Amino acid sequence: MKRRTTRQMVRVLSDIRRSANCRALRAAAVIREMELAEIEAEEEERESRDTAREEAWDKPSWRTS
């Protein structure tokens, strides 16, 4: 095994911590994106239902009383 200086070991440990932090931040960002996509999908579904309901009310009735 190659001998490393203290400075090299500190740099390696710093890189490991930074990469762990970056992974955690990326994971949190991905989770948030998934939540936002789910919310947007629900809103679009709700809007499409509302639009369909409005279109049904706007159609003329062929029945006569």
Protein backbone atom coordinates (compact mmCIF):
# COMPACT_ATOMS: atom_id res chain seq x y z
CA MET A 1 0.00 0.00 0.00
CA LYS A 2 1.22 3.43 -0.87
CA ARG A 3 2.05 5.76 2.01
CA ARG A 4 0.09 8.96 2.03
CA THR A 5 0.85 12.20 3.75
CA THR A 6 -1.51 13.72 6.26
CA ARG A 7 -2.44 16.45 3.79
CA GLN A 8 -3.42 13.85 1.18
CA MET A 9 -5.54 11.96 3.71
CA VAL A 10 -7.31 15.16 4.76
CA ARG A 11 -8.01 15.96 1.12
CA VAL A 12 -9.41 12.46 0.50
CA LEU A 13 -11.66 12.69 3.56
CA SER A 14 -12.85 16.13 2.48
CA ASP A 15 -13.68 14.78 -0.99
CA ILE A 16 -15.61 11.87 0.53
CA ARG A 17 -17.64 14.23 2.75
CA ARG A 18 -18.32 16.59 -0.14
CA SER A 19 -19.46 13.78 -2.42
CA ALA A 20 -21.76 12.43 0.30
CA ASN A 21 -23.22 15.91 0.74
CA CYS A 22 -23.68 16.31 -3.02
CA ARG A 23 -25.41 12.92 -3.23
CA ALA A 24 -27.76 13.90 -0.41
CA LEU A 25 -28.55 17.22 -2.09
CA ARG A 26 -29.18 15.53 -5.44
CA ALA A 27 -31.42 12.93 -3.81
CA ALA A 28 -33.41 15.66 -2.06
CA ALA A 29 -33.76 17.55 -5.35
CA VAL A 30 -34.98 14.43 -7.15
CA ILE A 31 -37.54 13.72 -4.44
CA ARG A 32 -38.79 17.32 -4.60
CA GLU A 33 -39.06 17.15 -8.41
CA MET A 34 -41.09 13.95 -8.13
CA GLU A 35 -43.43 15.60 -5.61
CA LEU A 36 -43.88 18.64 -7.85
CA ALA A 37 -44.59 16.44 -10.87
CA GLU A 38 -47.23 14.55 -8.90
CA ILE A 39 -48.87 17.80 -7.78
CA GLU A 40 -48.87 19.14 -11.35
CA ALA A 41 -50.41 15.91 -12.65
CA GLU A 42 -53.18 16.13 -10.06
CA GLU A 43 -53.85 19.77 -10.98
CA GLU A 44 -54.01 18.93 -14.69
CA GLU A 45 -56.39 16.06 -13.99
CA ARG A 46 -58.59 18.32 -11.87
CA GLU A 47 -58.57 21.00 -14.58
CA SER A 48 -59.48 18.48 -17.27
CA ARG A 49 -62.41 17.26 -15.16
CA ASP A 50 -63.55 20.85 -14.60
CA THR A 51 -63.26 21.59 -18.33
CA ALA A 52 -65.24 18.47 -19.21
CA ARG A 53 -67.91 19.46 -16.70
CA GLU A 54 -68.09 23.00 -18.14
CA GLU A 55 -68.33 21.65 -21.68
CA ALA A 56 -71.21 19.41 -20.63
CA TRP A 57 -73.07 22.44 -19.25
CA ASP A 58 -72.36 24.49 -22.38
CA LYS A 59 -73.84 21.92 -24.76
CA PRO A 60 -77.37 22.66 -25.92
CA SER A 61 -80.00 20.31 -24.72
CA TRP A 62 -81.93 18.48 -27.44
CA ARG A 63 -84.74 17.65 -25.12
CA THR A 64 -87.71 19.94 -25.14
CA SER A 65 -90.18 20.11 -22.35
